[in-house]
Amino acid sequence: MADELNPAEGQNTDEASPPPAASGGGSPGEAPATGALGDALGGVMAVLLRRGRLELGRAAATGRVRLDARMLRRDRDRMYQKLGREVRALVEGGEVTHPGLVRGVERIDELDARIEAVVAGMATEEPTEDELGASGDAPDVEPDAAAGE
């Protein structure tokens, strides 16, 4: 018989039919994954991709602005340093006599002297056991003497 049904599967046994298409729930009434569900997922992915690109663009623009600001601050600080060196030279040369500038130059001279003293002290001092890595926190006690107390 050509049209016999396979009772276990409920299908014709002698007709060649393709395997059932994979669907979301496997029920015959549901649309395949490439149908409505696939379209919905594709739409969600497109929205996420657009939003991700937008946020990435914003982050890049913010990063560029921050980098520009940092570079400008660094340039400004270098100009202050250069201006300070020029003012110091003018004060030391006697071309500028403003009291605030004179006090500032004197303070810088004091700091320079202290730096030289610290560096000179480092060069002439012998390193102590503490500096060499010996334990300086606890007094040296032999293990036998500590156990006998």
N, C-alpha and C. Protein backbone atom coordinates (compact mmCIF):
# COMPACT_ATOMS: atom_id res chain seq x y z
N MET A 1 0.83 -1.17 0.00
CA MET A 1 0.00 0.00 0.00
C MET A 1 0.87 1.23 0.00
N ALA A 2 0.59 2.12 -0.91
CA ALA A 2 1.43 3.29 -1.11
C ALA A 2 1.14 4.38 -0.10
N ASP A 3 -0.05 4.43 0.42
CA ASP A 3 -0.39 5.52 1.34
C ASP A 3 -0.53 5.05 2.77
N GLU A 4 0.27 4.11 3.21
CA GLU A 4 0.17 3.66 4.58
C GLU A 4 0.76 4.71 5.51
N LEU A 5 0.18 4.86 6.65
CA LEU A 5 0.67 5.81 7.64
C LEU A 5 1.48 5.06 8.68
N ASN A 6 2.55 5.62 9.05
CA ASN A 6 3.32 5.07 10.14
C ASN A 6 2.65 5.54 11.42
N PRO A 7 2.08 4.64 12.18
CA PRO A 7 1.33 5.07 13.36
C PRO A 7 2.18 5.78 14.40
N ALA A 8 3.44 5.49 14.49
CA ALA A 8 4.28 6.13 15.50
C ALA A 8 4.56 7.59 15.15
N GLU A 9 4.67 7.88 13.85
CA GLU A 9 5.02 9.24 13.45
C GLU A 9 3.84 10.01 12.90
N GLY A 10 2.82 9.33 12.47
CA GLY A 10 1.66 10.00 11.90
C GLY A 10 1.96 10.58 10.54
N GLN A 11 2.88 9.98 9.77
CA GLN A 11 3.25 10.47 8.46
C GLN A 11 3.17 9.34 7.46
N ASN A 12 3.12 9.71 6.20
CA ASN A 12 3.20 8.71 5.15
C ASN A 12 4.58 8.10 5.18
N THR A 13 4.65 6.79 5.03
CA THR A 13 5.95 6.12 5.12
C THR A 13 6.64 5.99 3.77
N ASP A 14 5.86 5.92 2.65
CA ASP A 14 6.55 5.71 1.39
C ASP A 14 6.76 6.99 0.60
N GLU A 15 6.28 8.13 1.02
CA GLU A 15 6.58 9.40 0.34
C GLU A 15 7.83 9.99 0.95
N ALA A 16 8.72 10.46 0.13
CA ALA A 16 9.94 11.10 0.63
C ALA A 16 9.60 12.52 1.01
N SER A 17 9.72 12.82 2.27
CA SER A 17 9.42 14.18 2.73
C SER A 17 10.62 14.71 3.51
N PRO A 18 10.84 16.00 3.42
CA PRO A 18 11.98 16.56 4.16
C PRO A 18 11.72 16.48 5.66
N PRO A 19 12.78 16.48 6.43
CA PRO A 19 12.60 16.45 7.89
C PRO A 19 11.88 17.71 8.34
N PRO A 20 11.15 17.64 9.43
CA PRO A 20 10.44 18.82 9.90
C PRO A 20 11.43 19.94 10.21
N ALA A 21 11.04 21.19 9.87
CA ALA A 21 11.90 22.35 10.11
C ALA A 21 11.96 22.64 11.59
N ALA A 22 13.14 23.07 12.03
CA ALA A 22 13.30 23.43 13.44
C ALA A 22 12.56 24.72 13.69
N SER A 23 11.78 24.73 14.72
CA SER A 23 11.06 25.94 15.08
C SER A 23 11.26 26.22 16.54
N GLY A 24 10.76 27.37 16.98
CA GLY A 24 10.95 27.80 18.36
C GLY A 24 10.48 26.76 19.34
N GLY A 25 9.26 26.28 19.22
CA GLY A 25 8.75 25.34 20.21
C GLY A 25 8.55 23.96 19.64
N GLY A 26 8.68 23.79 18.34
CA GLY A 26 8.53 22.49 17.75
C GLY A 26 7.09 22.18 17.38
N SER A 27 6.15 23.03 17.70
CA SER A 27 4.75 22.79 17.36
C SER A 27 4.52 23.15 15.91
N PRO A 28 3.65 22.41 15.21
CA PRO A 28 3.44 22.67 13.79
C PRO A 28 2.82 24.04 13.53
N GLY A 29 2.10 24.64 14.46
CA GLY A 29 1.46 25.94 14.24
C GLY A 29 2.38 27.12 14.41
N GLU A 30 3.58 26.91 14.98
CA GLU A 30 4.48 28.03 15.23
C GLU A 30 5.27 28.39 13.99
N ALA A 31 5.64 29.68 13.87
CA ALA A 31 6.46 30.13 12.74
C ALA A 31 7.89 29.68 12.96
N PRO A 32 8.63 29.41 11.89
CA PRO A 32 10.03 29.04 12.05
C PRO A 32 10.83 30.21 12.63
N ALA A 33 12.04 29.91 13.12
CA ALA A 33 12.87 30.91 13.79
C ALA A 33 13.22 32.07 12.88
N THR A 34 13.21 31.86 11.60
CA THR A 34 13.55 32.94 10.68
C THR A 34 12.33 33.81 10.40
N GLY A 35 11.20 33.49 10.97
CA GLY A 35 9.98 34.26 10.74
C GLY A 35 9.90 35.45 11.67
N ALA A 36 8.81 35.56 12.39
CA ALA A 36 8.55 36.71 13.26
C ALA A 36 9.57 36.82 14.38
N LEU A 37 9.90 35.70 14.98
CA LEU A 37 10.88 35.73 16.07
C LEU A 37 12.25 36.16 15.56
N GLY A 38 12.65 35.65 14.41
CA GLY A 38 13.93 36.04 13.82
C GLY A 38 13.96 37.51 13.46
N ASP A 39 12.84 38.00 12.92
CA ASP A 39 12.76 39.42 12.59
C ASP A 39 12.86 40.28 13.85
N ALA A 40 12.18 39.84 14.92
CA ALA A 40 12.22 40.59 16.18
C ALA A 40 13.64 40.60 16.74
N LEU A 41 14.29 39.43 16.73
CA LEU A 41 15.67 39.37 17.23
C LEU A 41 16.60 40.21 16.36
N GLY A 42 16.39 40.16 15.06
CA GLY A 42 17.21 40.98 14.15
C GLY A 42 17.02 42.46 14.42
N GLY A 43 15.78 42.86 14.69
CA GLY A 43 15.50 44.27 15.00
C GLY A 43 16.16 44.70 16.30
N VAL A 44 16.09 43.82 17.31
CA VAL A 44 16.72 44.12 18.59
C VAL A 44 18.23 44.24 18.42
N MET A 45 18.81 43.33 17.67
CA MET A 45 20.26 43.37 17.45
C MET A 45 20.66 44.63 16.69
N ALA A 46 19.84 45.04 15.72
CA ALA A 46 20.15 46.26 14.97
C ALA A 46 20.11 47.48 15.88
N VAL A 47 19.11 47.53 16.77
CA VAL A 47 19.02 48.65 17.72
C VAL A 47 20.22 48.64 18.65
N LEU A 48 20.59 47.46 19.17
CA LEU A 48 21.76 47.38 20.06
C LEU A 48 23.04 47.78 19.34
N LEU A 49 23.17 47.38 18.11
CA LEU A 49 24.36 47.72 17.34
C LEU A 49 24.43 49.23 17.10
N ARG A 50 23.31 49.84 16.72
CA ARG A 50 23.29 51.30 16.53
C ARG A 50 23.60 52.03 17.82
N ARG A 51 22.98 51.57 18.91
CA ARG A 51 23.21 52.22 20.20
C ARG A 51 24.67 52.05 20.64
N GLY A 52 25.23 50.87 20.40
CA GLY A 52 26.63 50.63 20.74
C GLY A 52 27.56 51.53 19.96
N ARG A 53 27.29 51.68 18.66
CA ARG A 53 28.11 52.58 17.85
C ARG A 53 28.00 54.01 18.33
N LEU A 54 26.79 54.42 18.69
CA LEU A 54 26.57 55.78 19.18
C LEU A 54 27.35 56.02 20.47
N GLU A 55 27.24 55.07 21.40
CA GLU A 55 27.94 55.22 22.67
C GLU A 55 29.45 55.16 22.48
N LEU A 56 29.91 54.33 21.57
CA LEU A 56 31.34 54.26 21.29
C LEU A 56 31.84 55.58 20.71
N GLY A 57 31.04 56.18 19.83
CA GLY A 57 31.39 57.49 19.28
C GLY A 57 31.44 58.55 20.35
N ARG A 58 30.47 58.52 21.26
CA ARG A 58 30.46 59.49 22.37
C ARG A 58 31.68 59.30 23.26
N ALA A 59 32.01 58.05 23.57
CA ALA A 59 33.18 57.78 24.42
C ALA A 59 34.46 58.25 23.74
N ALA A 60 34.57 58.03 22.44
CA ALA A 60 35.76 58.47 21.71
C ALA A 60 35.86 59.99 21.72
N ALA A 61 34.73 60.68 21.51
CA ALA A 61 34.74 62.14 21.51
C ALA A 61 35.10 62.67 22.89
N THR A 62 34.55 62.06 23.94
CA THR A 62 34.88 62.47 25.30
C THR A 62 36.35 62.24 25.59
N GLY A 63 36.87 61.11 25.15
CA GLY A 63 38.30 60.82 25.34
C GLY A 63 39.18 61.83 24.64
N ARG A 64 38.79 62.21 23.41
CA ARG A 64 39.59 63.23 22.69
C ARG A 64 39.58 64.56 23.42
N VAL A 65 38.40 64.95 23.94
CA VAL A 65 38.31 66.22 24.67
C VAL A 65 39.17 66.18 25.92
N ARG A 66 39.10 65.07 26.65
CA ARG A 66 39.91 64.95 27.87
C ARG A 66 41.40 64.97 27.55
N LEU A 67 41.79 64.30 26.49
CA LEU A 67 43.20 64.29 26.08
C LEU A 67 43.65 65.69 25.69
N ASP A 68 42.82 66.40 24.93
CA ASP A 68 43.15 67.78 24.55
C ASP A 68 43.31 68.66 25.78
N ALA A 69 42.38 68.53 26.73
CA ALA A 69 42.46 69.33 27.96
C ALA A 69 43.73 69.00 28.74
N ARG A 70 44.07 67.73 28.84
CA ARG A 70 45.28 67.33 29.57
C ARG A 70 46.53 67.90 28.90
N MET A 71 46.57 67.84 27.58
CA MET A 71 47.73 68.37 26.86
C MET A 71 47.83 69.89 27.03
N LEU A 72 46.70 70.57 27.00
CA LEU A 72 46.72 72.02 27.20
C LEU A 72 47.17 72.38 28.61
N ARG A 73 46.71 71.62 29.61
CA ARG A 73 47.16 71.88 30.99
C ARG A 73 48.66 71.66 31.13
N ARG A 74 49.16 70.60 30.49
CA ARG A 74 50.60 70.33 30.54
C ARG A 74 51.38 71.46 29.90
N ASP A 75 50.91 71.95 28.75
CA ASP A 75 51.57 73.08 28.08
C ASP A 75 51.55 74.33 28.97
N ARG A 76 50.39 74.56 29.62
CA ARG A 76 50.28 75.72 30.52
C ARG A 76 51.27 75.59 31.68
N ASP A 77 51.35 74.40 32.27
CA ASP A 77 52.27 74.19 33.39
C ASP A 77 53.72 74.40 32.96
N ARG A 78 54.05 73.96 31.77
CA ARG A 78 55.41 74.18 31.26
C ARG A 78 55.68 75.67 31.06
N MET A 79 54.68 76.41 30.61
CA MET A 79 54.85 77.86 30.44
C MET A 79 55.04 78.54 31.80
N TYR A 80 54.29 78.07 32.82
CA TYR A 80 54.49 78.62 34.17
C TYR A 80 55.92 78.35 34.65
N GLN A 81 56.42 77.15 34.40
CA GLN A 81 57.78 76.84 34.81
C GLN A 81 58.79 77.73 34.09
N LYS A 82 58.58 77.89 32.80
CA LYS A 82 59.49 78.74 32.03
C LYS A 82 59.40 80.19 32.52
N LEU A 83 58.20 80.68 32.76
CA LEU A 83 58.01 82.04 33.27
C LEU A 83 58.68 82.20 34.63
N GLY A 84 58.53 81.18 35.46
CA GLY A 84 59.16 81.23 36.78
C GLY A 84 60.67 81.31 36.69
N ARG A 85 61.25 80.52 35.79
CA ARG A 85 62.71 80.58 35.62
C ARG A 85 63.15 81.96 35.12
N GLU A 86 62.36 82.54 34.21
CA GLU A 86 62.71 83.87 33.69
C GLU A 86 62.58 84.93 34.78
N VAL A 87 61.52 84.84 35.59
CA VAL A 87 61.35 85.80 36.68
C VAL A 87 62.48 85.65 37.68
N ARG A 88 62.84 84.42 37.99
CA ARG A 88 63.95 84.20 38.93
C ARG A 88 65.23 84.85 38.40
N ALA A 89 65.50 84.67 37.11
CA ALA A 89 66.69 85.27 36.52
C ALA A 89 66.62 86.80 36.58
N LEU A 90 65.42 87.35 36.35
CA LEU A 90 65.27 88.81 36.42
C LEU A 90 65.47 89.33 37.84
N VAL A 91 64.94 88.60 38.84
CA VAL A 91 65.09 89.03 40.24
C VAL A 91 66.55 88.93 40.65
N GLU A 92 67.18 87.81 40.30
CA GLU A 92 68.59 87.64 40.67
C GLU A 92 69.48 88.65 39.95
N GLY A 93 69.07 89.07 38.76
CA GLY A 93 69.84 90.07 38.01
C GLY A 93 69.55 91.49 38.47
N GLY A 94 68.59 91.67 39.37
CA GLY A 94 68.27 93.00 39.88
C GLY A 94 67.36 93.80 38.96
N GLU A 95 66.83 93.19 37.91
CA GLU A 95 65.97 93.92 36.98
C GLU A 95 64.55 94.04 37.50
N VAL A 96 64.13 93.13 38.39
CA VAL A 96 62.80 93.17 39.00
C VAL A 96 62.99 93.14 40.51
N THR A 97 62.28 94.03 41.22
CA THR A 97 62.46 94.12 42.68
C THR A 97 61.14 94.02 43.43
N HIS A 98 60.15 93.38 42.85
CA HIS A 98 58.86 93.25 43.54
C HIS A 98 59.04 92.36 44.78
N PRO A 99 58.52 92.83 45.96
CA PRO A 99 58.74 92.08 47.21
C PRO A 99 58.23 90.63 47.16
N GLY A 100 57.09 90.40 46.56
CA GLY A 100 56.56 89.03 46.48
C GLY A 100 57.43 88.13 45.64
N LEU A 101 57.94 88.68 44.55
CA LEU A 101 58.82 87.89 43.70
C LEU A 101 60.15 87.61 44.38
N VAL A 102 60.65 88.60 45.10
CA VAL A 102 61.91 88.42 45.82
C VAL A 102 61.75 87.33 46.87
N ARG A 103 60.62 87.34 47.63
CA ARG A 103 60.38 86.30 48.65
C ARG A 103 60.28 84.92 47.99
N GLY A 104 59.62 84.84 46.84
CA GLY A 104 59.50 83.56 46.14
C GLY A 104 60.84 83.01 45.71
N VAL A 105 61.70 83.88 45.19
CA VAL A 105 63.02 83.45 44.77
C VAL A 105 63.84 83.01 45.98
N GLU A 106 63.71 83.73 47.09
CA GLU A 106 64.43 83.33 48.31
C GLU A 106 63.96 81.96 48.79
N ARG A 107 62.67 81.70 48.72
CA ARG A 107 62.13 80.40 49.14
C ARG A 107 62.66 79.29 48.21
N ILE A 108 62.73 79.55 46.94
CA ILE A 108 63.28 78.56 46.00
C ILE A 108 64.75 78.30 46.31
N ASP A 109 65.50 79.37 46.65
CA ASP A 109 66.91 79.19 47.02
C ASP A 109 67.04 78.33 48.27
N GLU A 110 66.14 78.53 49.26
CA GLU A 110 66.16 77.72 50.48
C GLU A 110 65.89 76.25 50.15
N LEU A 111 64.91 76.01 49.31
CA LEU A 111 64.58 74.64 48.93
C LEU A 111 65.74 73.99 48.17
N ASP A 112 66.39 74.74 47.29
CA ASP A 112 67.55 74.21 46.58
C ASP A 112 68.67 73.83 47.55
N ALA A 113 68.90 74.66 48.56
CA ALA A 113 69.94 74.37 49.56
C ALA A 113 69.59 73.10 50.34
N ARG A 114 68.32 72.94 50.70
CA ARG A 114 67.91 71.75 51.43
C ARG A 114 68.06 70.49 50.57
N ILE A 115 67.72 70.61 49.30
CA ILE A 115 67.88 69.47 48.39
C ILE A 115 69.34 69.07 48.29
N GLU A 116 70.22 70.05 48.15
CA GLU A 116 71.65 69.76 48.06
C GLU A 116 72.16 69.11 49.33
N ALA A 117 71.68 69.56 50.51
CA ALA A 117 72.11 68.97 51.78
C ALA A 117 71.65 67.52 51.89
N VAL A 118 70.43 67.24 51.49
CA VAL A 118 69.93 65.87 51.56
C VAL A 118 70.71 64.96 50.62
N VAL A 119 70.95 65.43 49.41
CA VAL A 119 71.70 64.63 48.44
C VAL A 119 73.13 64.43 48.91
N ALA A 120 73.75 65.47 49.45
CA ALA A 120 75.12 65.34 49.95
C ALA A 120 75.16 64.38 51.13
N GLY A 121 74.15 64.41 51.98
CA GLY A 121 74.09 63.50 53.13
C GLY A 121 73.94 62.05 52.69
N MET A 122 73.20 61.84 51.63
CA MET A 122 73.04 60.48 51.12
C MET A 122 74.36 59.94 50.59
N ALA A 123 75.14 60.78 49.96
CA ALA A 123 76.38 60.33 49.33
C ALA A 123 77.46 60.02 50.37
N THR A 124 77.46 60.69 51.50
CA THR A 124 78.54 60.51 52.48
C THR A 124 78.20 59.51 53.57
N GLU A 125 76.94 59.22 53.80
CA GLU A 125 76.56 58.31 54.88
C GLU A 125 76.77 56.86 54.48
N GLU A 126 77.21 56.07 55.44
CA GLU A 126 77.31 54.63 55.26
C GLU A 126 75.91 54.05 55.49
N PRO A 127 75.49 53.09 54.70
CA PRO A 127 74.18 52.49 54.93
C PRO A 127 74.16 51.71 56.25
N THR A 128 73.07 51.83 56.97
CA THR A 128 72.93 51.12 58.24
C THR A 128 72.40 49.72 57.96
N GLU A 129 72.37 48.88 59.02
CA GLU A 129 71.83 47.53 58.86
C GLU A 129 70.37 47.58 58.45
N ASP A 130 69.63 48.57 58.97
CA ASP A 130 68.22 48.71 58.61
C ASP A 130 68.08 48.97 57.12
N GLU A 131 68.92 49.83 56.58
CA GLU A 131 68.84 50.16 55.16
C GLU A 131 69.29 49.00 54.28
N LEU A 132 70.17 48.14 54.83
CA LEU A 132 70.65 47.00 54.07
C LEU A 132 69.66 45.84 54.07
N GLY A 133 68.63 45.92 54.89
CA GLY A 133 67.61 44.89 54.89
C GLY A 133 67.58 44.05 56.14
N ALA A 134 68.43 44.34 57.13
CA ALA A 134 68.38 43.58 58.38
C ALA A 134 67.12 44.00 59.13
N SER A 135 66.59 43.10 59.92
CA SER A 135 65.37 43.40 60.67
C SER A 135 65.69 44.38 61.77
N GLY A 136 65.14 45.57 61.70
CA GLY A 136 65.37 46.59 62.72
C GLY A 136 64.18 46.79 63.61
N ASP A 137 63.08 46.07 63.35
CA ASP A 137 61.86 46.27 64.12
C ASP A 137 61.92 45.58 65.47
N ALA A 138 62.46 44.38 65.52
CA ALA A 138 62.50 43.63 66.77
C ALA A 138 63.95 43.48 67.21
N PRO A 139 64.20 43.49 68.51
CA PRO A 139 65.57 43.31 68.99
C PRO A 139 66.03 41.90 68.68
N ASP A 140 67.36 41.77 68.47
CA ASP A 140 67.92 40.47 68.19
C ASP A 140 67.88 39.63 69.45
N VAL A 141 67.15 38.53 69.43
CA VAL A 141 67.04 37.61 70.57
C VAL A 141 67.28 36.22 70.04
N GLU A 142 68.14 35.48 70.70
CA GLU A 142 68.39 34.12 70.25
C GLU A 142 67.22 33.24 70.64
N PRO A 143 66.86 32.28 69.80
CA PRO A 143 65.69 31.44 70.08
C PRO A 143 65.77 30.67 71.39
N ASP A 144 66.95 30.21 71.78
CA ASP A 144 67.08 29.43 73.03
C ASP A 144 66.83 30.32 74.23
N ALA A 145 67.31 31.55 74.20
CA ALA A 145 67.15 32.46 75.32
C ALA A 145 65.69 32.85 75.48
N ALA A 146 64.97 33.01 74.40
CA ALA A 146 63.57 33.40 74.48
C ALA A 146 62.72 32.23 75.00
N ALA A 147 63.08 31.01 74.64
CA ALA A 147 62.30 29.85 75.08
C ALA A 147 62.54 29.54 76.55
N GLY A 148 63.70 29.90 77.09
CA GLY A 148 64.02 29.57 78.49
C GLY A 148 63.42 30.53 79.48
N GLU A 149 62.86 31.62 79.05
CA GLU A 149 62.33 32.60 79.99
C GLU A 149 61.02 32.22 80.55
